[in-house]
Amino acid sequence: MFGNEDVLVCSCNYITDKEIREVINGLLDEDCWQLIVPAKVYHAMEKRGRCCGCFPNVVDIIIRTTEEYHARRDSTDDEIFDFMSRLKQFHEENRRADIERRQKGHRAA
């Protein structure tokens, strides 16, 4: 992101982008085609999302780190594209569900 400087991503748990990338790479080493979501990353760090305001940024880090991981691994473009499109679709579906929950929660009785 900004050179070698660690960027604080989650101020509730004081987690940096470097720590998140390390966990993601470790998960990918276990199974390079698994679906990684913020909850899985936080669980691996033995943390919990508190306000969860950082989750969209964590998703972006997951996407970038996964792309870089597969580029280093010489994965085929078809494998990478299929996986990344599934991940982005999952992200969009969850974003829509989150927006719907917010709208329903603020309705007047």
PDB file of N, CA and C in Angstrom:
ATOM      1  N   MET A   1       0.814  -1.183   0.000  1.00  0.00           N
ATOM      2  CA  MET A   1       0.000   0.000   0.000  1.00  0.00           C
ATOM      3  C   MET A   1       0.863   1.255   0.000  1.00  0.00           C
ATOM      4  N   PHE A   2       1.573   1.507   1.095  1.00  0.00           N
ATOM      5  CA  PHE A   2       2.411   2.695   1.200  1.00  0.00           C
ATOM      6  C   PHE A   2       3.850   2.302   1.499  1.00  0.00           C
ATOM      7  N   GLY A   3       4.435   1.453   0.664  1.00  0.00           N
ATOM      8  CA  GLY A   3       5.811   1.020   0.894  1.00  0.00           C
ATOM      9  C   GLY A   3       5.870   0.007   2.011  1.00  0.00           C
ATOM     10  N   ASN A   4       6.848   0.180   2.908  1.00  0.00           N
ATOM     11  CA  ASN A   4       7.026  -0.760   4.011  1.00  0.00           C
ATOM     12  C   ASN A   4       6.253  -0.356   5.259  1.00  0.00           C
ATOM     13  N   GLU A   5       5.563   0.762   5.199  1.00  0.00           N
ATOM     14  CA  GLU A   5       4.835   1.277   6.343  1.00  0.00           C
ATOM     15  C   GLU A   5       3.585   0.425   6.590  1.00  0.00           C
ATOM     16  N   ASP A   6       3.392  -0.012   7.834  1.00  0.00           N
ATOM     17  CA  ASP A   6       2.181  -0.753   8.186  1.00  0.00           C
ATOM     18  C   ASP A   6       1.031   0.230   8.326  1.00  0.00           C
ATOM     19  N   VAL A   7      -0.087  -0.102   7.703  1.00  0.00           N
ATOM     20  CA  VAL A   7      -1.258   0.756   7.758  1.00  0.00           C
ATOM     21  C   VAL A   7      -2.283   0.109   8.682  1.00  0.00           C
ATOM     22  N   LEU A   8      -2.780   0.869   9.629  1.00  0.00           N
ATOM     23  CA  LEU A   8      -3.791   0.379  10.549  1.00  0.00           C
ATOM     24  C   LEU A   8      -5.100   0.213   9.795  1.00  0.00           C
ATOM     25  N   VAL A   9      -5.627  -1.003   9.794  1.00  0.00           N
ATOM     26  CA  VAL A   9      -6.872  -1.303   9.089  1.00  0.00           C
ATOM     27  C   VAL A   9      -8.032  -1.373  10.071  1.00  0.00           C
ATOM     28  N   CYS A  10      -7.813  -2.022  11.216  1.00  0.00           N
ATOM     29  CA  CYS A  10      -8.859  -2.190  12.227  1.00  0.00           C
ATOM     30  C   CYS A  10      -8.411  -1.513  13.514  1.00  0.00           C
ATOM     31  N   SER A  11      -9.036  -0.401  13.824  1.00  0.00           N
ATOM     32  CA  SER A  11      -8.643   0.313  15.045  1.00  0.00           C
ATOM     33  C   SER A  11      -9.260  -0.319  16.290  1.00  0.00           C
ATOM     34  N   CYS A  12     -10.337  -1.086  16.142  1.00  0.00           N
ATOM     35  CA  CYS A  12     -10.938  -1.763  17.304  1.00  0.00           C
ATOM     36  C   CYS A  12     -10.002  -2.827  17.869  1.00  0.00           C
ATOM     37  N   ASN A  13      -9.346  -3.569  16.968  1.00  0.00           N
ATOM     38  CA  ASN A  13      -8.457  -4.657  17.377  1.00  0.00           C
ATOM     39  C   ASN A  13      -6.984  -4.319  17.152  1.00  0.00           C
ATOM     40  N   TYR A  14      -6.722  -3.140  16.626  1.00  0.00           N
ATOM     41  CA  TYR A  14      -5.370  -2.698  16.286  1.00  0.00           C
ATOM     42  C   TYR A  14      -4.675  -3.737  15.386  1.00  0.00           C
ATOM     43  N   ILE A  15      -5.231  -3.909  14.184  1.00  0.00           N
ATOM     44  CA  ILE A  15      -4.705  -4.860  13.204  1.00  0.00           C
ATOM     45  C   ILE A  15      -4.216  -4.074  11.994  1.00  0.00           C
ATOM     46  N   THR A  16      -3.014  -4.408  11.528  1.00  0.00           N
ATOM     47  CA  THR A  16      -2.438  -3.726  10.378  1.00  0.00           C
ATOM     48  C   THR A  16      -2.661  -4.532   9.103  1.00  0.00           C
ATOM     49  N   ASP A  17      -2.470  -3.864   7.976  1.00  0.00           N
ATOM     50  CA  ASP A  17      -2.608  -4.539   6.688  1.00  0.00           C
ATOM     51  C   ASP A  17      -1.577  -5.656   6.538  1.00  0.00           C
ATOM     52  N   LYS A  18      -0.391  -5.465   7.106  1.00  0.00           N
ATOM     53  CA  LYS A  18       0.647  -6.497   7.030  1.00  0.00           C
ATOM     54  C   LYS A  18       0.195  -7.770   7.733  1.00  0.00           C
ATOM     55  N   GLU A  19      -0.393  -7.627   8.912  1.00  0.00           N
ATOM     56  CA  GLU A  19      -0.878  -8.794   9.656  1.00  0.00           C
ATOM     57  C   GLU A  19      -1.972  -9.515   8.875  1.00  0.00           C
ATOM     58  N   ILE A  20      -2.858  -8.757   8.272  1.00  0.00           N
ATOM     59  CA  ILE A  20      -3.947  -9.349   7.489  1.00  0.00           C
ATOM     60  C   ILE A  20      -3.388 -10.093   6.291  1.00  0.00           C
ATOM     61  N   ARG A  21      -2.440  -9.491   5.579  1.00  0.00           N
ATOM     62  CA  ARG A  21      -1.830 -10.146   4.411  1.00  0.00           C
ATOM     63  C   ARG A  21      -1.126 -11.445   4.812  1.00  0.00           C
ATOM     64  N   GLU A  22      -0.437 -11.434   5.962  1.00  0.00           N
ATOM     65  CA  GLU A  22       0.257 -12.650   6.422  1.00  0.00           C
ATOM     66  C   GLU A  22      -0.735 -13.776   6.685  1.00  0.00           C
ATOM     67  N   VAL A  23      -1.858 -13.458   7.316  1.00  0.00           N
ATOM     68  CA  VAL A  23      -2.875 -14.471   7.596  1.00  0.00           C
ATOM     69  C   VAL A  23      -3.464 -14.995   6.283  1.00  0.00           C
ATOM     70  N   ILE A  24      -3.762 -14.100   5.365  1.00  0.00           N
ATOM     71  CA  ILE A  24      -4.335 -14.510   4.074  1.00  0.00           C
ATOM     72  C   ILE A  24      -3.370 -15.440   3.347  1.00  0.00           C
ATOM     73  N   ASN A  25      -2.096 -15.083   3.300  1.00  0.00           N
ATOM     74  CA  ASN A  25      -1.113 -15.936   2.627  1.00  0.00           C
ATOM     75  C   ASN A  25      -1.015 -17.300   3.302  1.00  0.00           C
ATOM     76  N   GLY A  26      -1.098 -17.332   4.625  1.00  0.00           N
ATOM     77  CA  GLY A  26      -1.084 -18.601   5.343  1.00  0.00           C
ATOM     78  C   GLY A  26      -2.294 -19.455   4.997  1.00  0.00           C
ATOM     79  N   LEU A  27      -3.459 -18.823   4.930  1.00  0.00           N
ATOM     80  CA  LEU A  27      -4.667 -19.553   4.546  1.00  0.00           C
ATOM     81  C   LEU A  27      -4.565 -20.077   3.123  1.00  0.00           C
ATOM     82  N   LEU A  28      -4.018 -19.263   2.229  1.00  0.00           N
ATOM     83  CA  LEU A  28      -3.868 -19.686   0.836  1.00  0.00           C
ATOM     84  C   LEU A  28      -2.856 -20.814   0.704  1.00  0.00           C
ATOM     85  N   ASP A  29      -1.830 -20.822   1.569  1.00  0.00           N
ATOM     86  CA  ASP A  29      -0.874 -21.932   1.559  1.00  0.00           C
ATOM     87  C   ASP A  29      -1.557 -23.250   1.922  1.00  0.00           C
ATOM     88  N   GLU A  30      -2.567 -23.180   2.794  1.00  0.00           N
ATOM     89  CA  GLU A  30      -3.316 -24.375   3.186  1.00  0.00           C
ATOM     90  C   GLU A  30      -4.205 -24.873   2.054  1.00  0.00           C
ATOM     91  N   ASP A  31      -4.905 -23.951   1.398  1.00  0.00           N
ATOM     92  CA  ASP A  31      -5.796 -24.275   0.278  1.00  0.00           C
ATOM     93  C   ASP A  31      -5.923 -23.023  -0.568  1.00  0.00           C
ATOM     94  N   CYS A  32      -5.230 -23.025  -1.692  1.00  0.00           N
ATOM     95  CA  CYS A  32      -5.122 -21.785  -2.472  1.00  0.00           C
ATOM     96  C   CYS A  32      -6.425 -21.371  -3.165  1.00  0.00           C
ATOM     97  N   TRP A  33      -7.438 -22.250  -3.187  1.00  0.00           N
ATOM     98  CA  TRP A  33      -8.698 -21.888  -3.854  1.00  0.00           C
ATOM     99  C   TRP A  33      -9.856 -21.736  -2.880  1.00  0.00           C
ATOM    100  N   GLN A  34      -9.556 -21.689  -1.601  1.00  0.00           N
ATOM    101  CA  GLN A  34     -10.636 -21.502  -0.638  1.00  0.00           C
ATOM    102  C   GLN A  34     -11.164 -20.078  -0.701  1.00  0.00           C
ATOM    103  N   LEU A  35     -12.391 -19.911  -0.278  1.00  0.00           N
ATOM    104  CA  LEU A  35     -12.993 -18.591  -0.215  1.00  0.00           C
ATOM    105  C   LEU A  35     -12.633 -17.971   1.127  1.00  0.00           C
ATOM    106  N   ILE A  36     -11.939 -16.867   1.079  1.00  0.00           N
ATOM    107  CA  ILE A  36     -11.507 -16.186   2.300  1.00  0.00           C
ATOM    108  C   ILE A  36     -12.367 -14.944   2.478  1.00  0.00           C
ATOM    109  N   VAL A  37     -12.945 -14.824   3.648  1.00  0.00           N
ATOM    110  CA  VAL A  37     -13.783 -13.679   3.996  1.00  0.00           C
ATOM    111  C   VAL A  37     -13.224 -13.059   5.280  1.00  0.00           C
ATOM    112  N   PRO A  38     -13.614 -11.826   5.589  1.00  0.00           N
ATOM    113  CA  PRO A  38     -13.075 -11.179   6.782  1.00  0.00           C
ATOM    114  C   PRO A  38     -13.237 -11.998   8.059  1.00  0.00           C
ATOM    115  N   ALA A  39     -14.370 -12.648   8.238  1.00  0.00           N
ATOM    116  CA  ALA A  39     -14.581 -13.431   9.461  1.00  0.00           C
ATOM    117  C   ALA A  39     -13.554 -14.554   9.581  1.00  0.00           C
ATOM    118  N   LYS A  40     -13.184 -15.161   8.454  1.00  0.00           N
ATOM    119  CA  LYS A  40     -12.190 -16.240   8.480  1.00  0.00           C
ATOM    120  C   LYS A  40     -10.820 -15.680   8.855  1.00  0.00           C
ATOM    121  N   VAL A  41     -10.489 -14.506   8.341  1.00  0.00           N
ATOM    122  CA  VAL A  41      -9.208 -13.862   8.654  1.00  0.00           C
ATOM    123  C   VAL A  41      -9.151 -13.521  10.143  1.00  0.00           C
ATOM    124  N   TYR A  42     -10.219 -12.916  10.648  1.00  0.00           N
ATOM    125  CA  TYR A  42     -10.257 -12.535  12.062  1.00  0.00           C
ATOM    126  C   TYR A  42     -10.217 -13.768  12.955  1.00  0.00           C
ATOM    127  N   HIS A  43     -10.925 -14.826  12.561  1.00  0.00           N
ATOM    128  CA  HIS A  43     -10.914 -16.063  13.339  1.00  0.00           C
ATOM    129  C   HIS A  43      -9.495 -16.641  13.412  1.00  0.00           C
ATOM    130  N   ALA A  44      -8.781 -16.611  12.293  1.00  0.00           N
ATOM    131  CA  ALA A  44      -7.403 -17.119  12.267  1.00  0.00           C
ATOM    132  C   ALA A  44      -6.492 -16.305  13.183  1.00  0.00           C
ATOM    133  N   MET A  45      -6.816 -15.034  13.372  1.00  0.00           N
ATOM    134  CA  MET A  45      -6.028 -14.177  14.266  1.00  0.00           C
ATOM    135  C   MET A  45      -6.552 -14.223  15.701  1.00  0.00           C
ATOM    136  N   GLU A  46      -7.603 -15.030  15.911  1.00  0.00           N
ATOM    137  CA  GLU A  46      -8.256 -15.114  17.219  1.00  0.00           C
ATOM    138  C   GLU A  46      -8.774 -13.747  17.671  1.00  0.00           C
ATOM    139  N   LYS A  47      -9.378 -13.045  16.719  1.00  0.00           N
ATOM    140  CA  LYS A  47      -9.993 -11.731  16.965  1.00  0.00           C
ATOM    141  C   LYS A  47     -11.443 -11.795  16.522  1.00  0.00           C
ATOM    142  N   ARG A  48     -12.205 -10.775  16.882  1.00  0.00           N
ATOM    143  CA  ARG A  48     -13.591 -10.652  16.439  1.00  0.00           C
ATOM    144  C   ARG A  48     -13.786  -9.291  15.813  1.00  0.00           C
ATOM    145  N   GLY A  49     -14.628  -9.245  14.792  1.00  0.00           N
ATOM    146  CA  GLY A  49     -15.011  -7.955  14.253  1.00  0.00           C
ATOM    147  C   GLY A  49     -15.906  -7.274  15.279  1.00  0.00           C
ATOM    148  N   ARG A  50     -15.560  -6.091  15.673  1.00  0.00           N
ATOM    149  CA  ARG A  50     -16.373  -5.401  16.680  1.00  0.00           C
ATOM    150  C   ARG A  50     -17.367  -4.481  15.986  1.00  0.00           C
ATOM    151  N   CYS A  51     -16.902  -3.392  15.443  1.00  0.00           N
ATOM    152  CA  CYS A  51     -17.830  -2.509  14.735  1.00  0.00           C
ATOM    153  C   CYS A  51     -17.978  -2.943  13.273  1.00  0.00           C
ATOM    154  N   CYS A  52     -17.014  -3.710  12.780  1.00  0.00           N
ATOM    155  CA  CYS A  52     -16.991  -4.271  11.420  1.00  0.00           C
ATOM    156  C   CYS A  52     -16.901  -3.207  10.327  1.00  0.00           C
ATOM    157  N   GLY A  53     -16.591  -1.992  10.695  1.00  0.00           N
ATOM    158  CA  GLY A  53     -16.423  -0.935   9.705  1.00  0.00           C
ATOM    159  C   GLY A  53     -15.214  -1.154   8.806  1.00  0.00           C
ATOM    160  N   CYS A  54     -14.278  -1.975   9.258  1.00  0.00           N
ATOM    161  CA  CYS A  54     -13.066  -2.249   8.491  1.00  0.00           C
ATOM    162  C   CYS A  54     -13.268  -3.355   7.458  1.00  0.00           C
ATOM    163  N   PHE A  55     -14.366  -4.107   7.542  1.00  0.00           N
ATOM    164  CA  PHE A  55     -14.544  -5.269   6.687  1.00  0.00           C
ATOM    165  C   PHE A  55     -14.466  -4.957   5.191  1.00  0.00           C
ATOM    166  N   PRO A  56     -15.034  -3.851   4.692  1.00  0.00           N
ATOM    167  CA  PRO A  56     -14.859  -3.563   3.256  1.00  0.00           C
ATOM    168  C   PRO A  56     -13.385  -3.411   2.869  1.00  0.00           C
ATOM    169  N   ASN A  57     -12.579  -2.786   3.732  1.00  0.00           N
ATOM    170  CA  ASN A  57     -11.146  -2.658   3.461  1.00  0.00           C
ATOM    171  C   ASN A  57     -10.455  -4.014   3.536  1.00  0.00           C
ATOM    172  N   VAL A  58     -10.882  -4.854   4.469  1.00  0.00           N
ATOM    173  CA  VAL A  58     -10.308  -6.197   4.590  1.00  0.00           C
ATOM    174  C   VAL A  58     -10.622  -6.997   3.325  1.00  0.00           C
ATOM    175  N   VAL A  59     -11.825  -6.862   2.793  1.00  0.00           N
ATOM    176  CA  VAL A  59     -12.189  -7.555   1.549  1.00  0.00           C
ATOM    177  C   VAL A  59     -11.270  -7.098   0.419  1.00  0.00           C
ATOM    178  N   ASP A  60     -11.010  -5.810   0.332  1.00  0.00           N
ATOM    179  CA  ASP A  60     -10.095  -5.297  -0.703  1.00  0.00           C
ATOM    180  C   ASP A  60      -8.696  -5.885  -0.532  1.00  0.00           C
ATOM    181  N   ILE A  61      -8.225  -5.992   0.708  1.00  0.00           N
ATOM    182  CA  ILE A  61      -6.906  -6.580   0.971  1.00  0.00           C
ATOM    183  C   ILE A  61      -6.913  -8.061   0.589  1.00  0.00           C
ATOM    184  N   ILE A  62      -8.001  -8.759   0.899  1.00  0.00           N
ATOM    185  CA  ILE A  62      -8.121 -10.173   0.524  1.00  0.00           C
ATOM    186  C   ILE A  62      -8.017 -10.324  -0.987  1.00  0.00           C
ATOM    187  N   ILE A  63      -8.721  -9.496  -1.726  1.00  0.00           N
ATOM    188  CA  ILE A  63      -8.709  -9.577  -3.191  1.00  0.00           C
ATOM    189  C   ILE A  63      -7.308  -9.315  -3.732  1.00  0.00           C
ATOM    190  N   ARG A  64      -6.683  -8.217  -3.296  1.00  0.00           N
ATOM    191  CA  ARG A  64      -5.340  -7.884  -3.785  1.00  0.00           C
ATOM    192  C   ARG A  64      -4.323  -8.957  -3.420  1.00  0.00           C
ATOM    193  N   THR A  65      -4.365  -9.417  -2.177  1.00  0.00           N
ATOM    194  CA  THR A  65      -3.398 -10.418  -1.716  1.00  0.00           C
ATOM    195  C   THR A  65      -3.591 -11.729  -2.455  1.00  0.00           C
ATOM    196  N   THR A  66      -4.832 -12.121  -2.693  1.00  0.00           N
ATOM    197  CA  THR A  66      -5.117 -13.353  -3.425  1.00  0.00           C
ATOM    198  C   THR A  66      -4.640 -13.244  -4.869  1.00  0.00           C
ATOM    199  N   GLU A  67      -4.869 -12.106  -5.490  1.00  0.00           N
ATOM    200  CA  GLU A  67      -4.378 -11.901  -6.865  1.00  0.00           C
ATOM    201  C   GLU A  67      -2.856 -11.999  -6.908  1.00  0.00           C
ATOM    202  N   GLU A  68      -2.185 -11.345  -5.970  1.00  0.00           N
ATOM    203  CA  GLU A  68      -0.715 -11.386  -5.924  1.00  0.00           C
ATOM    204  C   GLU A  68      -0.213 -12.801  -5.652  1.00  0.00           C
ATOM    205  N   TYR A  69      -0.885 -13.518  -4.761  1.00  0.00           N
ATOM    206  CA  TYR A  69      -0.501 -14.891  -4.429  1.00  0.00           C
ATOM    207  C   TYR A  69      -0.548 -15.771  -5.683  1.00  0.00           C
ATOM    208  N   HIS A  70      -1.631 -15.671  -6.424  1.00  0.00           N
ATOM    209  CA  HIS A  70      -1.783 -16.518  -7.609  1.00  0.00           C
ATOM    210  C   HIS A  70      -0.867 -16.072  -8.747  1.00  0.00           C
ATOM    211  N   ALA A  71      -0.540 -14.797  -8.797  1.00  0.00           N
ATOM    212  CA  ALA A  71       0.416 -14.333  -9.804  1.00  0.00           C
ATOM    213  C   ALA A  71       1.800 -14.925  -9.523  1.00  0.00           C
ATOM    214  N   ARG A  72       2.183 -14.994  -8.261  1.00  0.00           N
ATOM    215  CA  ARG A  72       3.468 -15.600  -7.888  1.00  0.00           C
ATOM    216  C   ARG A  72       3.471 -17.106  -8.129  1.00  0.00           C
ATOM    217  N   ARG A  73       2.311 -17.726  -7.999  1.00  0.00           N
ATOM    218  CA  ARG A  73       2.158 -19.170  -8.125  1.00  0.00           C
ATOM    219  C   ARG A  73       2.053 -19.623  -9.578  1.00  0.00           C
ATOM    220  N   ASP A  74       1.962 -18.705 -10.482  1.00  0.00           N
ATOM    221  CA  ASP A  74       1.766 -19.010 -11.902  1.00  0.00           C
ATOM    222  C   ASP A  74       0.468 -19.768 -12.147  1.00  0.00           C
ATOM    223  N   SER A  75      -0.584 -19.386 -11.439  1.00  0.00           N
ATOM    224  CA  SER A  75      -1.902 -19.949 -11.698  1.00  0.00           C
ATOM    225  C   SER A  75      -2.356 -19.462 -13.065  1.00  0.00           C
ATOM    226  N   THR A  76      -3.181 -20.251 -13.723  1.00  0.00           N
ATOM    227  CA  THR A  76      -3.650 -19.843 -15.045  1.00  0.00           C
ATOM    228  C   THR A  76      -4.617 -18.680 -14.906  1.00  0.00           C
ATOM    229  N   ASP A  77      -4.692 -17.869 -15.940  1.00  0.00           N
ATOM    230  CA  ASP A  77      -5.605 -16.724 -15.927  1.00  0.00           C
ATOM    231  C   ASP A  77      -7.051 -17.172 -15.760  1.00  0.00           C
ATOM    232  N   ASP A  78      -7.414 -18.310 -16.368  1.00  0.00           N
ATOM    233  CA  ASP A  78      -8.786 -18.806 -16.235  1.00  0.00           C
ATOM    234  C   ASP A  78      -9.115 -19.150 -14.794  1.00  0.00           C
ATOM    235  N   GLU A  79      -8.177 -19.801 -14.082  1.00  0.00           N
ATOM    236  CA  GLU A  79      -8.400 -20.151 -12.680  1.00  0.00           C
ATOM    237  C   GLU A  79      -8.560 -18.895 -11.831  1.00  0.00           C
ATOM    238  N   ILE A  80      -7.698 -17.924 -12.074  1.00  0.00           N
ATOM    239  CA  ILE A  80      -7.730 -16.685 -11.295  1.00  0.00           C
ATOM    240  C   ILE A  80      -9.005 -15.917 -11.584  1.00  0.00           C
ATOM    241  N   PHE A  81      -9.369 -15.785 -12.861  1.00  0.00           N
ATOM    242  CA  PHE A  81     -10.559 -15.019 -13.218  1.00  0.00           C
ATOM    243  C   PHE A  81     -11.811 -15.644 -12.613  1.00  0.00           C
ATOM    244  N   ASP A  82     -11.931 -16.968 -12.699  1.00  0.00           N
ATOM    245  CA  ASP A  82     -13.098 -17.641 -12.148  1.00  0.00           C
ATOM    246  C   ASP A  82     -13.195 -17.410 -10.653  1.00  0.00           C
ATOM    247  N   PHE A  83     -12.095 -17.574  -9.952  1.00  0.00           N
ATOM    248  CA  PHE A  83     -12.095 -17.395  -8.507  1.00  0.00           C
ATOM    249  C   PHE A  83     -12.414 -15.952  -8.136  1.00  0.00           C
ATOM    250  N   MET A  84     -11.772 -15.002  -8.794  1.00  0.00           N
ATOM    251  CA  MET A  84     -11.965 -13.600  -8.445  1.00  0.00           C
ATOM    252  C   MET A  84     -13.391 -13.154  -8.771  1.00  0.00           C
ATOM    253  N   SER A  85     -13.963 -13.652  -9.846  1.00  0.00           N
ATOM    254  CA  SER A  85     -15.341 -13.276 -10.165  1.00  0.00           C
ATOM    255  C   SER A  85     -16.301 -13.847  -9.121  1.00  0.00           C
ATOM    256  N   ARG A  86     -16.037 -15.079  -8.639  1.00  0.00           N
ATOM    257  CA  ARG A  86     -16.868 -15.651  -7.574  1.00  0.00           C
ATOM    258  C   ARG A  86     -16.724 -14.844  -6.298  1.00  0.00           C
ATOM    259  N   LEU A  87     -15.506 -14.421  -5.972  1.00  0.00           N
ATOM    260  CA  LEU A  87     -15.274 -13.641  -4.763  1.00  0.00           C
ATOM    261  C   LEU A  87     -15.967 -12.281  -4.855  1.00  0.00           C
ATOM    262  N   LYS A  88     -15.864 -11.614  -5.980  1.00  0.00           N
ATOM    263  CA  LYS A  88     -16.509 -10.309  -6.142  1.00  0.00           C
ATOM    264  C   LYS A  88     -18.029 -10.437  -6.095  1.00  0.00           C
ATOM    265  N   GLN A  89     -18.569 -11.517  -6.683  1.00  0.00           N
ATOM    266  CA  GLN A  89     -20.009 -11.754  -6.624  1.00  0.00           C
ATOM    267  C   GLN A  89     -20.448 -11.960  -5.179  1.00  0.00           C
ATOM    268  N   PHE A  90     -19.690 -12.752  -4.424  1.00  0.00           N
ATOM    269  CA  PHE A  90     -19.982 -12.987  -3.009  1.00  0.00           C
ATOM    270  C   PHE A  90     -19.973 -11.662  -2.250  1.00  0.00           C
ATOM    271  N   HIS A  91     -18.983 -10.829  -2.527  1.00  0.00           N
ATOM    272  CA  HIS A  91     -18.856  -9.527  -1.865  1.00  0.00           C
ATOM    273  C   HIS A  91     -20.072  -8.648  -2.171  1.00  0.00           C
ATOM    274  N   GLU A  92     -20.481  -8.602  -3.428  1.00  0.00           N
ATOM    275  CA  GLU A  92     -21.622  -7.776  -3.820  1.00  0.00           C
ATOM    276  C   GLU A  92     -22.918  -8.278  -3.195  1.00  0.00           C
ATOM    277  N   GLU A  93     -23.105  -9.589  -3.158  1.00  0.00           N
ATOM    278  CA  GLU A  93     -24.312 -10.151  -2.549  1.00  0.00           C
ATOM    279  C   GLU A  93     -24.371  -9.803  -1.066  1.00  0.00           C
ATOM    280  N   ASN A  94     -23.249  -9.889  -0.384  1.00  0.00           N
ATOM    281  CA  ASN A  94     -23.229  -9.548   1.039  1.00  0.00           C
ATOM    282  C   ASN A  94     -23.407  -8.058   1.265  1.00  0.00           C
ATOM    283  N   ARG A  95     -22.881  -7.255   0.377  1.00  0.00           N
ATOM    284  CA  ARG A  95     -23.050  -5.801   0.502  1.00  0.00           C
ATOM    285  C   ARG A  95     -24.522  -5.435   0.341  1.00  0.00           C
ATOM    286  N   ARG A  96     -25.198  -6.068  -0.656  1.00  0.00           N
ATOM    287  CA  ARG A  96     -26.622  -5.808  -0.858  1.00  0.00           C
ATOM    288  C   ARG A  96     -27.433  -6.255   0.361  1.00  0.00           C
ATOM    289  N   ALA A  97     -27.108  -7.425   0.908  1.00  0.00           N
ATOM    290  CA  ALA A  97     -27.817  -7.934   2.087  1.00  0.00           C
ATOM    291  C   ALA A  97     -27.613  -6.995   3.271  1.00  0.00           C
ATOM    292  N   ASP A  98     -26.409  -6.448   3.411  1.00  0.00           N
ATOM    293  CA  ASP A  98     -26.119  -5.520   4.497  1.00  0.00           C
ATOM    294  C   ASP A  98     -26.944  -4.248   4.342  1.00  0.00           C
ATOM    295  N   ILE A  99     -27.038  -3.733   3.135  1.00  0.00           N
ATOM    296  CA  ILE A  99     -27.822  -2.522   2.874  1.00  0.00           C
ATOM    297  C   ILE A  99     -29.293  -2.784   3.169  1.00  0.00           C
ATOM    298  N   GLU A 100     -29.806  -3.937   2.746  1.00  0.00           N
ATOM    299  CA  GLU A 100     -31.202  -4.279   3.013  1.00  0.00           C
ATOM    300  C   GLU A 100     -31.473  -4.384   4.509  1.00  0.00           C
ATOM    301  N   ARG A 101     -30.550  -4.982   5.262  1.00  0.00           N
ATOM    302  CA  ARG A 101     -30.729  -5.085   6.710  1.00  0.00           C
ATOM    303  C   ARG A 101     -30.782  -3.702   7.345  1.00  0.00           C
ATOM    304  N   ARG A 102     -29.929  -2.813   6.885  1.00  0.00           N
ATOM    305  CA  ARG A 102     -29.920  -1.458   7.447  1.00  0.00           C
ATOM    306  C   ARG A 102     -31.247  -0.754   7.163  1.00  0.00           C
ATOM    307  N   GLN A 103     -31.743  -0.898   5.940  1.00  0.00           N
ATOM    308  CA  GLN A 103     -32.990  -0.218   5.575  1.00  0.00           C
ATOM    309  C   GLN A 103     -34.162  -0.784   6.361  1.00  0.00           C
ATOM    310  N   LYS A 104     -34.228  -2.103   6.549  1.00  0.00           N
ATOM    311  CA  LYS A 104     -35.321  -2.712   7.295  1.00  0.00           C
ATOM    312  C   LYS A 104     -35.254  -2.306   8.764  1.00  0.00           C
ATOM    313  N   GLY A 105     -34.057  -2.175   9.294  1.00  0.00           N
ATOM    314  CA  GLY A 105     -33.885  -1.848  10.705  1.00  0.00           C
ATOM    315  C   GLY A 105     -34.282  -0.408  11.029  1.00  0.00           C
ATOM    316  N   HIS A 106     -34.332   0.442  10.030  1.00  0.00           N
ATOM    317  CA  HIS A 106     -34.641   1.846  10.261  1.00  0.00           C
ATOM    318  C   HIS A 106     -36.063   2.216   9.831  1.00  0.00           C
ATOM    319  N   ARG A 107     -36.874   1.224   9.529  1.00  0.00           N
ATOM    320  CA  ARG A 107     -38.252   1.515   9.133  1.00  0.00           C
ATOM    321  C   ARG A 107     -39.085   1.896  10.362  1.00  0.00           C
ATOM    322  N   ALA A 108     -39.986   2.803  10.125  1.00  0.00           N
ATOM    323  CA  ALA A 108     -40.899   3.189  11.210  1.00  0.00           C
ATOM    324  C   ALA A 108     -41.991   2.136  11.342  1.00  0.00           C
ATOM    325  N   ALA A 109     -42.426   1.911  12.541  1.00  0.00           N
ATOM    326  CA  ALA A 109     -43.452   0.864  12.783  1.00  0.00           C
ATOM    327  C   ALA A 109     -44.818   1.328  12.361  1.00  0.00           C
TER     328      ALA A 109
END
